[in-house]
Amino acid sequence: MSEIKKAGQNGDKYIPYDKRSGNESIVYFTRDLSAEGLIKIYERVSEMMTGRVGIKLHTGEPHGPNIIPRPWVKALIQKDLPKATILETNSYYEGDRYTTEQHRETLKINGWDFAPVDIMDENGATPLKVNGGKWFKEMYMGMNLLNYDSMLALTHFKGHSVGGFGGSDKNIGIGCADGRIGKAMIHTIPNDENQWSIVEEEFMERMTESAKAVVDHFGKHICFVNVMRNMSVSCDCEGVEASPVVTPNVGILASLDILAIDQTSVDIVYAMKESDNHDLVERMESRHGLRQLSYMKELNMGNNKYILIDIDNGDKVIKPSDAVKHVKPFTDTEE
């Protein structure tokens, strides 16, 4: 008789900072939304980026308006990571990134031509062990992931139609899983005609177990950067169909702790005034996306308490509410 698995609950409930327990991790913050800001905050967490480095980021659908600006990534690579490779996988949904050929064409359209891009599942998938997983003992990743010694998870923080929000957890949990086996394991109940049959807390847990496999694989040789800019409630996989951005721009975060960086990003959104954060908070809670955070905690992936260091102001320790004091209106021309 097979074991009956149940997902956790309360993915629609935000846990205030004073209700959390455990240790604290360091999270760095800058309001400098520019190539220079990205470079200086990456350099705070770059010490263990050794050997062959892969940069996992979402390169976007054709003409996607909200992705991390290419000139920022180009400047970072030229300054600090001249031998790095951008990492992607093919999509689970049919579209302009479904096959490697389609994906390569989309990369050209979006201007990702200044560095090598490895579509990691171009040659198939490989299993990575999921330590302590509820849903999986292993997750299938793009095979070429094994070719890298270190990973920079460079994430555009935003909403997500299924996940509630897309942070570092989603970037590597979905973004490293191969487009045919791994992503199906996360999204779809076997033999179900609905391709997106797994939702809410169970989806968050499956995605997070996939992310854990990547984090454990790289060990100390992985770091995380979240860019809080152009934060639509839609994922970058929706491209030009993404909902209009109404949440103001904030800045860039960096950490060696995947839970701490995503928790800080969420806390910053919750610290905004209601007129600024309403749509994004509603998206997180209606999809039960906050289960990503509590499950990362249960899987010992990091700390949901942190010390937020403002590198623009002499490494001053600040609160998330202080991070949003100078938020900037959205603009789609920031390069």
C-alpha atoms as a PDB file:
ATOM      1  CA  MET A   1       0.000   0.000   0.000  1.00  0.00           C
ATOM      2  CA  SER A   2       1.480   3.320  -1.083  1.00  0.00           C
ATOM      3  CA  GLU A   3       2.058   6.096   1.403  1.00  0.00           C
ATOM      4  CA  ILE A   4      -0.545   8.884   1.357  1.00  0.00           C
ATOM      5  CA  LYS A   5       1.268  12.185   1.073  1.00  0.00           C
ATOM      6  CA  LYS A   6      -0.255  15.440   2.218  1.00  0.00           C
ATOM      7  CA  ALA A   7       0.942  18.947   1.553  1.00  0.00           C
ATOM      8  CA  GLY A   8       1.418  21.423   4.362  1.00  0.00           C
ATOM      9  CA  GLN A   9      -0.981  24.275   4.938  1.00  0.00           C
ATOM     10  CA  ASN A  10      -1.113  28.033   5.499  1.00  0.00           C
ATOM     11  CA  GLY A  11       0.640  29.004   2.274  1.00  0.00           C
ATOM     12  CA  ASP A  12      -1.734  31.961   2.197  1.00  0.00           C
ATOM     13  CA  LYS A  13      -0.662  33.205   5.644  1.00  0.00           C
ATOM     14  CA  TYR A  14       2.198  35.657   6.108  1.00  0.00           C
ATOM     15  CA  ILE A  15       4.360  35.056   9.180  1.00  0.00           C
ATOM     16  CA  PRO A  16       5.570  38.336  10.745  1.00  0.00           C
ATOM     17  CA  TYR A  17       9.243  38.579  11.638  1.00  0.00           C
ATOM     18  CA  ASP A  18       8.646  38.515  15.401  1.00  0.00           C
ATOM     19  CA  LYS A  19       6.851  35.162  15.075  1.00  0.00           C
ATOM     20  CA  ARG A  20       9.879  33.413  13.532  1.00  0.00           C
ATOM     21  CA  SER A  21      12.576  31.482  15.327  1.00  0.00           C
ATOM     22  CA  GLY A  22      16.093  30.275  14.675  1.00  0.00           C
ATOM     23  CA  ASN A  23      19.340  31.785  13.485  1.00  0.00           C
ATOM     24  CA  GLU A  24      19.928  34.775  11.228  1.00  0.00           C
ATOM     25  CA  SER A  25      21.627  34.983   7.845  1.00  0.00           C
ATOM     26  CA  ILE A  26      23.232  37.957   6.141  1.00  0.00           C
ATOM     27  CA  VAL A  27      21.358  39.618   3.279  1.00  0.00           C
ATOM     28  CA  TYR A  28      22.906  42.568   1.444  1.00  0.00           C
ATOM     29  CA  PHE A  29      20.815  45.368  -0.076  1.00  0.00           C
ATOM     30  CA  THR A  30      21.360  48.214  -2.519  1.00  0.00           C
ATOM     31  CA  ARG A  31      18.877  50.672  -4.004  1.00  0.00           C
ATOM     32  CA  ASP A  32      21.192  51.076  -7.007  1.00  0.00           C
ATOM     33  CA  LEU A  33      19.231  49.533  -9.856  1.00  0.00           C
ATOM     34  CA  SER A  34      21.984  49.617 -12.456  1.00  0.00           C
ATOM     35  CA  ALA A  35      24.840  47.545 -13.794  1.00  0.00           C
ATOM     36  CA  GLU A  36      27.061  49.134 -11.160  1.00  0.00           C
ATOM     37  CA  GLY A  37      24.615  48.196  -8.403  1.00  0.00           C
ATOM     38  CA  LEU A  38      24.444  44.619  -9.616  1.00  0.00           C
ATOM     39  CA  ILE A  39      28.223  44.334  -9.730  1.00  0.00           C
ATOM     40  CA  LYS A  40      28.859  45.776  -6.288  1.00  0.00           C
ATOM     41  CA  ILE A  41      26.258  43.617  -4.550  1.00  0.00           C
ATOM     42  CA  TYR A  42      27.333  40.442  -6.370  1.00  0.00           C
ATOM     43  CA  GLU A  43      30.889  41.029  -5.175  1.00  0.00           C
ATOM     44  CA  ARG A  44      29.637  40.765  -1.574  1.00  0.00           C
ATOM     45  CA  VAL A  45      28.702  37.095  -2.098  1.00  0.00           C
ATOM     46  CA  SER A  46      31.118  35.988  -4.824  1.00  0.00           C
ATOM     47  CA  GLU A  47      33.942  34.484  -2.780  1.00  0.00           C
ATOM     48  CA  MET A  48      33.030  30.848  -3.470  1.00  0.00           C
ATOM     49  CA  MET A  49      32.315  31.276  -7.181  1.00  0.00           C
ATOM     50  CA  THR A  50      35.183  29.055  -8.297  1.00  0.00           C
ATOM     51  CA  GLY A  51      35.889  26.773 -11.230  1.00  0.00           C
ATOM     52  CA  ARG A  52      33.385  26.743 -14.055  1.00  0.00           C
ATOM     53  CA  VAL A  53      30.589  29.168 -13.118  1.00  0.00           C
ATOM     54  CA  GLY A  54      27.027  29.033 -14.430  1.00  0.00           C
ATOM     55  CA  ILE A  55      24.654  31.987 -14.143  1.00  0.00           C
ATOM     56  CA  LYS A  56      21.072  30.729 -13.856  1.00  0.00           C
ATOM     57  CA  LEU A  57      18.671  33.428 -14.973  1.00  0.00           C
ATOM     58  CA  HIS A  58      15.390  33.742 -16.852  1.00  0.00           C
ATOM     59  CA  THR A  59      16.249  35.010 -20.335  1.00  0.00           C
ATOM     60  CA  GLY A  60      12.577  35.579 -21.098  1.00  0.00           C
ATOM     61  CA  GLU A  61      10.026  35.092 -23.837  1.00  0.00           C
ATOM     62  CA  PRO A  62      10.441  37.111 -27.061  1.00  0.00           C
ATOM     63  CA  HIS A  63      10.555  40.844 -26.304  1.00  0.00           C
ATOM     64  CA  GLY A  64       9.710  40.240 -22.643  1.00  0.00           C
ATOM     65  CA  PRO A  65       9.579  43.690 -21.041  1.00  0.00           C
ATOM     66  CA  ASN A  66      10.477  42.892 -17.428  1.00  0.00           C
ATOM     67  CA  ILE A  67      13.529  40.633 -17.500  1.00  0.00           C
ATOM     68  CA  ILE A  68      16.816  41.722 -15.933  1.00  0.00           C
ATOM     69  CA  PRO A  69      18.378  44.157 -18.431  1.00  0.00           C
ATOM     70  CA  ARG A  70      20.921  42.519 -20.690  1.00  0.00           C
ATOM     71  CA  PRO A  71      23.438  45.377 -20.336  1.00  0.00           C
ATOM     72  CA  TRP A  72      23.550  44.783 -16.570  1.00  0.00           C
ATOM     73  CA  VAL A  73      24.337  41.100 -17.024  1.00  0.00           C
ATOM     74  CA  LYS A  74      26.882  41.854 -19.743  1.00  0.00           C
ATOM     75  CA  ALA A  75      28.678  44.325 -17.469  1.00  0.00           C
ATOM     76  CA  LEU A  76      28.713  41.833 -14.593  1.00  0.00           C
ATOM     77  CA  ILE A  77      30.167  39.104 -16.779  1.00  0.00           C
ATOM     78  CA  GLN A  78      32.824  41.384 -18.239  1.00  0.00           C
ATOM     79  CA  LYS A  79      33.844  42.702 -14.811  1.00  0.00           C
ATOM     80  CA  ASP A  80      33.685  39.619 -12.579  1.00  0.00           C
ATOM     81  CA  LEU A  81      32.765  36.490 -14.546  1.00  0.00           C
ATOM     82  CA  PRO A  82      34.462  36.614 -17.966  1.00  0.00           C
ATOM     83  CA  LYS A  83      34.413  32.818 -18.358  1.00  0.00           C
ATOM     84  CA  ALA A  84      30.884  32.252 -17.038  1.00  0.00           C
ATOM     85  CA  THR A  85      28.035  30.664 -18.967  1.00  0.00           C
ATOM     86  CA  ILE A  86      24.368  31.642 -18.798  1.00  0.00           C
ATOM     87  CA  LEU A  87      22.205  28.625 -17.917  1.00  0.00           C
ATOM     88  CA  GLU A  88      18.676  27.873 -19.096  1.00  0.00           C
ATOM     89  CA  THR A  89      16.371  24.912 -19.728  1.00  0.00           C
ATOM     90  CA  ASN A  90      13.558  24.440 -22.211  1.00  0.00           C
ATOM     91  CA  SER A  91      10.012  25.218 -21.142  1.00  0.00           C
ATOM     92  CA  TYR A  92       7.333  22.694 -20.175  1.00  0.00           C
ATOM     93  CA  TYR A  93       4.662  24.643 -22.036  1.00  0.00           C
ATOM     94  CA  GLU A  94       4.633  24.772 -25.831  1.00  0.00           C
ATOM     95  CA  GLY A  95       5.824  28.096 -27.160  1.00  0.00           C
ATOM     96  CA  ASP A  96       8.943  29.967 -28.157  1.00  0.00           C
ATOM     97  CA  ARG A  97      11.222  28.168 -25.673  1.00  0.00           C
ATOM     98  CA  TYR A  98       9.774  24.658 -25.932  1.00  0.00           C
ATOM     99  CA  THR A  99      12.461  23.131 -28.154  1.00  0.00           C
ATOM    100  CA  THR A 100      16.152  23.939 -28.146  1.00  0.00           C
ATOM    101  CA  GLU A 101      15.856  25.339 -31.677  1.00  0.00           C
ATOM    102  CA  GLN A 102      12.993  27.643 -30.669  1.00  0.00           C
ATOM    103  CA  HIS A 103      14.821  28.605 -27.503  1.00  0.00           C
ATOM    104  CA  ARG A 104      17.990  29.556 -29.411  1.00  0.00           C
ATOM    105  CA  GLU A 105      15.962  31.814 -31.690  1.00  0.00           C
ATOM    106  CA  THR A 106      14.321  33.501 -28.692  1.00  0.00           C
ATOM    107  CA  LEU A 107      17.751  34.101 -27.150  1.00  0.00           C
ATOM    108  CA  LYS A 108      18.783  35.915 -30.337  1.00  0.00           C
ATOM    109  CA  ILE A 109      15.619  38.028 -30.315  1.00  0.00           C
ATOM    110  CA  ASN A 110      16.182  39.045 -26.702  1.00  0.00           C
ATOM    111  CA  GLY A 111      19.834  39.946 -27.192  1.00  0.00           C
ATOM    112  CA  TRP A 112      21.561  37.239 -25.158  1.00  0.00           C
ATOM    113  CA  ASP A 113      24.480  37.161 -27.584  1.00  0.00           C
ATOM    114  CA  PHE A 114      27.342  38.492 -25.443  1.00  0.00           C
ATOM    115  CA  ALA A 115      28.067  35.265 -23.529  1.00  0.00           C
ATOM    116  CA  PRO A 116      27.619  31.544 -24.094  1.00  0.00           C
ATOM    117  CA  VAL A 117      24.173  30.223 -23.178  1.00  0.00           C
ATOM    118  CA  ASP A 118      23.887  26.569 -22.185  1.00  0.00           C
ATOM    119  CA  ILE A 119      20.403  25.117 -22.621  1.00  0.00           C
ATOM    120  CA  MET A 120      21.150  22.463 -20.061  1.00  0.00           C
ATOM    121  CA  ASP A 121      18.581  19.886 -21.203  1.00  0.00           C
ATOM    122  CA  GLU A 122      19.556  20.111 -24.856  1.00  0.00           C
ATOM    123  CA  ASN A 123      21.082  16.643 -24.529  1.00  0.00           C
ATOM    124  CA  GLY A 124      18.658  15.219 -21.994  1.00  0.00           C
ATOM    125  CA  ALA A 125      18.214  15.007 -18.232  1.00  0.00           C
ATOM    126  CA  THR A 126      20.059  13.711 -15.200  1.00  0.00           C
ATOM    127  CA  PRO A 127      18.732  12.928 -11.714  1.00  0.00           C
ATOM    128  CA  LEU A 128      19.930  14.821  -8.648  1.00  0.00           C
ATOM    129  CA  LYS A 129      19.256  13.485  -5.163  1.00  0.00           C
ATOM    130  CA  VAL A 130      16.594  15.227  -3.064  1.00  0.00           C
ATOM    131  CA  ASN A 131      17.676  14.912   0.564  1.00  0.00           C
ATOM    132  CA  GLY A 132      14.745  14.564   2.962  1.00  0.00           C
ATOM    133  CA  GLY A 133      12.099  15.138   0.319  1.00  0.00           C
ATOM    134  CA  LYS A 134       8.420  14.317   0.841  1.00  0.00           C
ATOM    135  CA  TRP A 135       7.475  14.086  -2.825  1.00  0.00           C
ATOM    136  CA  PHE A 136      10.741  13.104  -4.477  1.00  0.00           C
ATOM    137  CA  LYS A 137      13.890  11.125  -3.820  1.00  0.00           C
ATOM    138  CA  GLU A 138      15.434  12.618  -6.947  1.00  0.00           C
ATOM    139  CA  MET A 139      14.660  15.369  -9.431  1.00  0.00           C
ATOM    140  CA  TYR A 140      15.579  15.419 -13.101  1.00  0.00           C
ATOM    141  CA  MET A 141      17.687  18.385 -14.150  1.00  0.00           C
ATOM    142  CA  GLY A 142      19.138  19.477 -17.436  1.00  0.00           C
ATOM    143  CA  MET A 143      22.067  17.118 -17.949  1.00  0.00           C
ATOM    144  CA  ASN A 144      24.615  19.870 -18.503  1.00  0.00           C
ATOM    145  CA  LEU A 145      24.160  21.143 -14.944  1.00  0.00           C
ATOM    146  CA  LEU A 146      26.802  18.602 -13.982  1.00  0.00           C
ATOM    147  CA  ASN A 147      29.384  20.508 -16.032  1.00  0.00           C
ATOM    148  CA  TYR A 148      29.507  23.431 -13.572  1.00  0.00           C
ATOM    149  CA  ASP A 149      31.379  23.857 -10.300  1.00  0.00           C
ATOM    150  CA  SER A 150      29.544  26.952  -9.036  1.00  0.00           C
ATOM    151  CA  MET A 151      26.237  28.696  -9.646  1.00  0.00           C
ATOM    152  CA  LEU A 152      25.044  32.284  -9.396  1.00  0.00           C
ATOM    153  CA  ALA A 153      21.247  32.258  -9.163  1.00  0.00           C
ATOM    154  CA  LEU A 154      20.505  35.668 -10.674  1.00  0.00           C
ATOM    155  CA  THR A 155      16.782  36.157 -10.195  1.00  0.00           C
ATOM    156  CA  HIS A 156      14.205  38.685 -11.275  1.00  0.00           C
ATOM    157  CA  PHE A 157      11.861  38.759  -8.277  1.00  0.00           C
ATOM    158  CA  LYS A 158       8.214  39.072  -9.372  1.00  0.00           C
ATOM    159  CA  GLY A 159       4.826  37.439  -9.105  1.00  0.00           C
ATOM    160  CA  HIS A 160       3.930  34.091 -10.634  1.00  0.00           C
ATOM    161  CA  SER A 161       0.618  32.723 -11.899  1.00  0.00           C
ATOM    162  CA  VAL A 162       1.059  29.371 -10.116  1.00  0.00           C
ATOM    163  CA  GLY A 163       3.805  29.962  -7.542  1.00  0.00           C
ATOM    164  CA  GLY A 164       2.468  33.259  -6.199  1.00  0.00           C
ATOM    165  CA  PHE A 165       5.934  34.752  -6.450  1.00  0.00           C
ATOM    166  CA  GLY A 166       9.065  33.870  -8.337  1.00  0.00           C
ATOM    167  CA  GLY A 167      12.266  34.280  -6.356  1.00  0.00           C
ATOM    168  CA  SER A 168      15.480  32.298  -6.114  1.00  0.00           C
ATOM    169  CA  ASP A 169      13.514  29.171  -5.135  1.00  0.00           C
ATOM    170  CA  LYS A 170      11.531  29.250  -8.367  1.00  0.00           C
ATOM    171  CA  ASN A 171      14.494  30.301 -10.501  1.00  0.00           C
ATOM    172  CA  ILE A 172      16.453  27.147  -9.739  1.00  0.00           C
ATOM    173  CA  GLY A 173      13.612  24.820  -8.698  1.00  0.00           C
ATOM    174  CA  ILE A 174      11.734  25.177 -11.982  1.00  0.00           C
ATOM    175  CA  GLY A 175      14.537  26.706 -14.026  1.00  0.00           C
ATOM    176  CA  CYS A 176      17.050  23.868 -13.628  1.00  0.00           C
ATOM    177  CA  ALA A 177      14.519  21.032 -14.013  1.00  0.00           C
ATOM    178  CA  ASP A 178      14.556  19.717 -17.558  1.00  0.00           C
ATOM    179  CA  GLY A 179      11.646  20.619 -19.792  1.00  0.00           C
ATOM    180  CA  ARG A 180      10.168  17.153 -20.221  1.00  0.00           C
ATOM    181  CA  ILE A 181      10.721  14.994 -17.114  1.00  0.00           C
ATOM    182  CA  GLY A 182      11.589  17.279 -14.192  1.00  0.00           C
ATOM    183  CA  LYS A 183       9.086  20.030 -14.904  1.00  0.00           C
ATOM    184  CA  ALA A 184       6.358  17.421 -15.428  1.00  0.00           C
ATOM    185  CA  MET A 185       7.181  15.900 -12.029  1.00  0.00           C
ATOM    186  CA  ILE A 186       6.636  19.314 -10.421  1.00  0.00           C
ATOM    187  CA  HIS A 187       3.575  20.476 -12.354  1.00  0.00           C
ATOM    188  CA  THR A 188       1.475  17.457 -13.303  1.00  0.00           C
ATOM    189  CA  ILE A 189      -0.222  14.514 -11.623  1.00  0.00           C
ATOM    190  CA  PRO A 190       0.699  11.430 -13.702  1.00  0.00           C
ATOM    191  CA  ASN A 191      -1.943  10.502 -16.300  1.00  0.00           C
ATOM    192  CA  ASP A 192      -3.866  13.728 -15.648  1.00  0.00           C
ATOM    193  CA  GLU A 193      -4.966  15.553 -18.797  1.00  0.00           C
ATOM    194  CA  ASN A 194      -4.479  18.897 -17.037  1.00  0.00           C
ATOM    195  CA  GLN A 195      -0.841  19.855 -17.592  1.00  0.00           C
ATOM    196  CA  TRP A 196      -0.958  22.160 -14.561  1.00  0.00           C
ATOM    197  CA  SER A 197      -2.824  19.848 -12.187  1.00  0.00           C
ATOM    198  CA  ILE A 198      -0.572  20.430  -9.158  1.00  0.00           C
ATOM    199  CA  VAL A 199      -1.215  23.756  -7.437  1.00  0.00           C
ATOM    200  CA  GLU A 200      -1.054  25.603  -4.135  1.00  0.00           C
ATOM    201  CA  GLU A 201       0.924  24.061  -1.261  1.00  0.00           C
ATOM    202  CA  GLU A 202       1.754  20.827  -3.051  1.00  0.00           C
ATOM    203  CA  PHE A 203       3.211  22.710  -6.005  1.00  0.00           C
ATOM    204  CA  MET A 204       5.304  24.908  -3.696  1.00  0.00           C
ATOM    205  CA  GLU A 205       6.678  21.840  -1.946  1.00  0.00           C
ATOM    206  CA  ARG A 206       7.543  20.018  -5.173  1.00  0.00           C
ATOM    207  CA  MET A 207       9.247  23.081  -6.619  1.00  0.00           C
ATOM    208  CA  THR A 208      11.174  23.642  -3.393  1.00  0.00           C
ATOM    209  CA  GLU A 209      12.378  20.047  -3.246  1.00  0.00           C
ATOM    210  CA  SER A 210      13.732  20.557  -6.758  1.00  0.00           C
ATOM    211  CA  ALA A 211      15.520  23.714  -5.617  1.00  0.00           C
ATOM    212  CA  LYS A 212      16.956  21.828  -2.641  1.00  0.00           C
ATOM    213  CA  ALA A 213      18.504  19.287  -4.992  1.00  0.00           C
ATOM    214  CA  VAL A 214      20.353  22.101  -6.761  1.00  0.00           C
ATOM    215  CA  VAL A 215      21.416  23.836  -3.540  1.00  0.00           C
ATOM    216  CA  ASP A 216      22.719  20.602  -2.060  1.00  0.00           C
ATOM    217  CA  HIS A 217      24.516  19.718  -5.288  1.00  0.00           C
ATOM    218  CA  PHE A 218      26.555  22.945  -5.286  1.00  0.00           C
ATOM    219  CA  GLY A 219      26.995  23.161  -1.518  1.00  0.00           C
ATOM    220  CA  LYS A 220      29.019  26.265  -0.622  1.00  0.00           C
ATOM    221  CA  HIS A 221      29.507  27.121  -4.290  1.00  0.00           C
ATOM    222  CA  ILE A 222      26.158  28.801  -4.894  1.00  0.00           C
ATOM    223  CA  CYS A 223      25.020  32.363  -4.230  1.00  0.00           C
ATOM    224  CA  PHE A 224      21.785  34.253  -4.792  1.00  0.00           C
ATOM    225  CA  VAL A 225      20.908  37.704  -6.156  1.00  0.00           C
ATOM    226  CA  ASN A 226      17.292  38.956  -6.356  1.00  0.00           C
ATOM    227  CA  VAL A 227      16.551  42.007  -8.524  1.00  0.00           C
ATOM    228  CA  MET A 228      13.399  43.753  -7.257  1.00  0.00           C
ATOM    229  CA  ARG A 229      12.539  45.731 -10.373  1.00  0.00           C
ATOM    230  CA  ASN A 230       9.592  45.656 -12.826  1.00  0.00           C
ATOM    231  CA  MET A 231       7.700  43.357 -10.463  1.00  0.00           C
ATOM    232  CA  SER A 232       4.600  42.358 -12.381  1.00  0.00           C
ATOM    233  CA  VAL A 233       2.290  39.801 -10.798  1.00  0.00           C
ATOM    234  CA  SER A 234       3.130  37.757 -13.899  1.00  0.00           C
ATOM    235  CA  CYS A 235       6.211  35.625 -14.433  1.00  0.00           C
ATOM    236  CA  ASP A 236       8.641  36.486 -17.216  1.00  0.00           C
ATOM    237  CA  CYS A 237       7.375  33.330 -18.964  1.00  0.00           C
ATOM    238  CA  GLU A 238       4.288  35.385 -19.891  1.00  0.00           C
ATOM    239  CA  GLY A 239       6.417  37.772 -21.961  1.00  0.00           C
ATOM    240  CA  VAL A 240       4.554  40.665 -23.567  1.00  0.00           C
ATOM    241  CA  GLU A 241       1.281  39.307 -22.132  1.00  0.00           C
ATOM    242  CA  ALA A 242       2.453  40.005 -18.565  1.00  0.00           C
ATOM    243  CA  SER A 243       0.150  42.101 -16.404  1.00  0.00           C
ATOM    244  CA  PRO A 244       1.123  45.776 -16.120  1.00  0.00           C
ATOM    245  CA  VAL A 245       3.621  46.589 -13.394  1.00  0.00           C
ATOM    246  CA  VAL A 246       2.123  48.567 -10.512  1.00  0.00           C
ATOM    247  CA  THR A 247       4.552  47.658  -7.709  1.00  0.00           C
ATOM    248  CA  PRO A 248       7.362  50.231  -7.398  1.00  0.00           C
ATOM    249  CA  ASN A 249      10.990  49.292  -7.919  1.00  0.00           C
ATOM    250  CA  VAL A 250      13.040  48.662  -4.780  1.00  0.00           C
ATOM    251  CA  GLY A 251      16.633  47.537  -5.334  1.00  0.00           C
ATOM    252  CA  ILE A 252      18.821  44.442  -5.400  1.00  0.00           C
ATOM    253  CA  LEU A 253      19.452  41.812  -2.700  1.00  0.00           C
ATOM    254  CA  ALA A 254      22.250  39.258  -2.370  1.00  0.00           C
ATOM    255  CA  SER A 255      22.861  36.380   0.042  1.00  0.00           C
ATOM    256  CA  LEU A 256      24.401  32.961   0.448  1.00  0.00           C
ATOM    257  CA  ASP A 257      21.080  31.757   1.927  1.00  0.00           C
ATOM    258  CA  ILE A 258      18.242  30.982  -0.491  1.00  0.00           C
ATOM    259  CA  LEU A 259      15.514  31.135   2.155  1.00  0.00           C
ATOM    260  CA  ALA A 260      16.809  34.355   3.668  1.00  0.00           C
ATOM    261  CA  ILE A 261      16.925  36.177   0.320  1.00  0.00           C
ATOM    262  CA  ASP A 262      13.431  35.119  -0.740  1.00  0.00           C
ATOM    263  CA  GLN A 263      12.044  35.823   2.740  1.00  0.00           C
ATOM    264  CA  THR A 264      13.618  39.290   2.731  1.00  0.00           C
ATOM    265  CA  SER A 265      12.191  40.011  -0.726  1.00  0.00           C
ATOM    266  CA  VAL A 266       8.717  39.014   0.462  1.00  0.00           C
ATOM    267  CA  ASP A 267       9.114  41.039   3.675  1.00  0.00           C
ATOM    268  CA  ILE A 268      10.056  44.122   1.658  1.00  0.00           C
ATOM    269  CA  VAL A 269       6.903  43.767  -0.428  1.00  0.00           C
ATOM    270  CA  TYR A 270       4.777  43.388   2.720  1.00  0.00           C
ATOM    271  CA  ALA A 271       6.462  46.481   4.197  1.00  0.00           C
ATOM    272  CA  MET A 272       5.151  48.652   1.354  1.00  0.00           C
ATOM    273  CA  LYS A 273       2.028  50.739   1.708  1.00  0.00           C
ATOM    274  CA  GLU A 274      -1.133  48.921   0.682  1.00  0.00           C
ATOM    275  CA  SER A 275      -1.606  50.900  -2.521  1.00  0.00           C
ATOM    276  CA  ASP A 276       1.821  49.744  -3.717  1.00  0.00           C
ATOM    277  CA  ASN A 277       1.794  46.102  -2.681  1.00  0.00           C
ATOM    278  CA  HIS A 278      -1.862  45.098  -2.997  1.00  0.00           C
ATOM    279  CA  ASP A 279      -1.648  43.258  -6.313  1.00  0.00           C
ATOM    280  CA  LEU A 280       1.564  41.376  -5.535  1.00  0.00           C
ATOM    281  CA  VAL A 281       0.459  40.393  -2.028  1.00  0.00           C
ATOM    282  CA  GLU A 282      -2.876  39.204  -3.406  1.00  0.00           C
ATOM    283  CA  ARG A 283      -1.042  37.096  -5.983  1.00  0.00           C
ATOM    284  CA  MET A 284       1.211  35.512  -3.330  1.00  0.00           C
ATOM    285  CA  GLU A 285      -1.611  34.709  -0.939  1.00  0.00           C
ATOM    286  CA  SER A 286      -4.222  33.585  -3.481  1.00  0.00           C
ATOM    287  CA  ARG A 287      -1.781  31.008  -4.876  1.00  0.00           C
ATOM    288  CA  HIS A 288      -0.605  29.968  -1.390  1.00  0.00           C
ATOM    289  CA  GLY A 289       2.897  30.925  -2.486  1.00  0.00           C
ATOM    290  CA  LEU A 290       4.181  31.648   1.007  1.00  0.00           C
ATOM    291  CA  ARG A 291       4.437  27.881   1.494  1.00  0.00           C
ATOM    292  CA  GLN A 292       7.705  28.166  -0.441  1.00  0.00           C
ATOM    293  CA  LEU A 293       9.214  29.932   2.565  1.00  0.00           C
ATOM    294  CA  SER A 294       7.924  27.673   5.322  1.00  0.00           C
ATOM    295  CA  TYR A 295       8.890  24.550   3.392  1.00  0.00           C
ATOM    296  CA  MET A 296      12.421  25.800   2.756  1.00  0.00           C
ATOM    297  CA  LYS A 297      12.632  26.226   6.514  1.00  0.00           C
ATOM    298  CA  GLU A 298      11.391  22.663   7.105  1.00  0.00           C
ATOM    299  CA  LEU A 299      13.924  21.302   4.619  1.00  0.00           C
ATOM    300  CA  ASN A 300      16.757  23.124   6.425  1.00  0.00           C
ATOM    301  CA  MET A 301      17.572  25.188   3.344  1.00  0.00           C
ATOM    302  CA  GLY A 302      18.301  28.341   5.331  1.00  0.00           C
ATOM    303  CA  ASN A 303      16.985  30.866   7.832  1.00  0.00           C
ATOM    304  CA  ASN A 304      13.852  32.996   7.686  1.00  0.00           C
ATOM    305  CA  LYS A 305      15.478  35.512  10.041  1.00  0.00           C
ATOM    306  CA  TYR A 306      18.245  37.709   8.730  1.00  0.00           C
ATOM    307  CA  ILE A 307      20.415  40.790   9.134  1.00  0.00           C
ATOM    308  CA  LEU A 308      19.712  43.191   6.266  1.00  0.00           C
ATOM    309  CA  ILE A 309      22.802  45.239   5.422  1.00  0.00           C
ATOM    310  CA  ASP A 310      22.464  48.459   3.404  1.00  0.00           C
ATOM    311  CA  ILE A 311      25.675  48.632   1.373  1.00  0.00           C
ATOM    312  CA  ASP A 312      24.790  52.118   0.109  1.00  0.00           C
ATOM    313  CA  ASN A 313      25.064  53.535   3.624  1.00  0.00           C
ATOM    314  CA  GLY A 314      28.199  52.171   5.222  1.00  0.00           C
ATOM    315  CA  ASP A 315      26.824  48.647   5.754  1.00  0.00           C
ATOM    316  CA  LYS A 316      24.128  49.939   8.056  1.00  0.00           C
ATOM    317  CA  VAL A 317      21.745  47.313   9.428  1.00  0.00           C
ATOM    318  CA  ILE A 318      18.200  48.206   8.385  1.00  0.00           C
ATOM    319  CA  LYS A 319      14.652  46.861   8.515  1.00  0.00           C
ATOM    320  CA  PRO A 320      12.668  45.911   5.394  1.00  0.00           C
ATOM    321  CA  SER A 321      10.488  48.957   6.008  1.00  0.00           C
ATOM    322  CA  ASP A 322      13.597  51.133   5.639  1.00  0.00           C
ATOM    323  CA  ALA A 323      14.418  49.427   2.347  1.00  0.00           C
ATOM    324  CA  VAL A 324      11.214  50.785   0.797  1.00  0.00           C
ATOM    325  CA  LYS A 325      11.526  54.391   1.979  1.00  0.00           C
ATOM    326  CA  HIS A 326      12.942  55.470  -1.369  1.00  0.00           C
ATOM    327  CA  VAL A 327      11.201  53.088  -3.744  1.00  0.00           C
ATOM    328  CA  LYS A 328      11.060  54.240  -7.333  1.00  0.00           C
ATOM    329  CA  PRO A 329       8.076  54.165  -9.691  1.00  0.00           C
ATOM    330  CA  PHE A 330       8.122  51.493 -12.366  1.00  0.00           C
ATOM    331  CA  THR A 331       9.715  52.407 -15.678  1.00  0.00           C
ATOM    332  CA  ASP A 332      10.228  50.070 -18.593  1.00  0.00           C
ATOM    333  CA  THR A 333      13.144  52.107 -19.937  1.00  0.00           C
ATOM    334  CA  GLU A 334      15.635  51.409 -17.134  1.00  0.00           C
ATOM    335  CA  GLU A 335      18.693  49.847 -18.728  1.00  0.00           C
END
